[in-house]
Amino acid sequence: MIDREGGSPAGSILVAGLDPLGIAIVRRLVATGRDVRALASPAELAAYAHELESLGVPVSVGAARSPGELEAAGLREVAALVLAANDDAENVDAALTARRLRPGIPLLARVFDPALAGYLEDTEPGLRVLSVSGIAAPRFADLALQAIERGAVAGEQPGSKSARPPRRRRAGFGDPVAKRFAVSVLVVVLVAVVFFAIELGVGWLDALYFVTQTMTTTGYGDFSIREASTGAKIATVLLMIAGAGGLAVTWALLAGAFVARRLDIQHGRIPERGHGHAVIAGAGNVGFRVAQLLAEAGKRVVVIERHAESRNAAQLRAEGHHVITGDASIQESFDLAAADRASVVLALTDSDATNLKIALSVRERGLGTPVIIRLLSAELSAHLHGRKGIVTISPIAVASARFADMFGD
């Protein structure tokens, strides 16, 4: 059992919020010999109870924004407070509550929003604000710039063909409905031309002219079927009906194609024409910051984001970047992003599985493009780093090291 009351709080550091970053900070602080206490929610305690016990870290159960829970966790005795929850509002509330209960206590808070972070640091002396994306993004950007400058072919093995990117397959022309409709119209026109050429005793061109007039309902200024046979009159009526319906379908297909094209342009689903750009999969907090850092360094970026309503994607698009709405793990998205002509590919989605799939997909396609991926799991990142020329970074490992270094001796 964990001793929730035991342990000497004097000089210790209280860590509130035990998501993957929080527990990583606890591990690093303990590894450096610091005395650590923890404040966790019931769910967080259930996830890390045994590890906290093995580390000898006393823990209180509750919410950091609650004055009573903070005091019960030893706020008035600890040397510093670390707020590591993955929620800006929660950390800000907890920071202000802690300062009200104990003015002047050293505080280190995790806050993503740059404006909010700057305000807190300006108005609360002794409060330091850090964010996972703010710490990790420069590392990703630096590695990407190094890869671009080196022009290295990461992942190329002796005897491999990775230096020759695969030829892109051309997409088929039109959709099946349009194809079938066009074939049907062509058949009707040809049959009608043959029929009326014989029935009216005119040449093929005149018959085509008559059929076109009939199908488009533009009138008969120079042809008349008043004296034609009953069969010709019936055929003409049917041709008029078919022509009217055909025109309606034609305009509907054209309107649909126009709208679809506009939507494709709006969502960036158009082929990238350039080369030497950086492809970034994921416009989350890390991907967003990396895109801006690379743009500031003068590099063109193409971003693939799955969620059309993403605020970060909308801002990047407003800044003039090519943002493709789509699943980065499928080939179509990478074809649109011209990954075969990119200088580097960064897989920065929130899913380790997706990022790994993207990296392996690049290699399976025979591309020697440098690949840098984000893996939240520090263990998985360390295990895969360098394999098949894939560079891995764990934002949690990088950020927890920075947080822990703030309390270095």
Foldseek 3Di string as FASTA:
>chain_A
DADQPDDDQAQAEEEEAQDLLRVLLVVVLLVQVGQYEYEYAPVSCVVCVVVCVVSNHHYFHDALLDLVSCVSRPLVRHQAYEYEHPDQVSQVSSVVSSCVVPPPRQYEYEHQDPVVQVVCCVVHPNYHYDHLLRQCLVVVLVVLVVLLVVLDLFLDDVPAQQADFDDDDDDDPDDPVVVVLVVVVVVLLVVQLVVCCVQVVHDSVVSSVVLVCLLCVVDCPPDDCPVTDPVNVVSSVVSNVVSVVSVVVVVVVVVVVVVVVVVCVVQLLAADDDFAAEEEEAQPSNSLSNCVVCVVVVGAYEYEHQDPPDPSLVVVVVVPHRYHHHQLLDPSVCRRDVVLRYQEYEYEHPDQVSQVSNVVVCVVSSHSHQYEYEDQDPVVQVVCASVSRYHYDHSSNSVSVVVSVVPDD
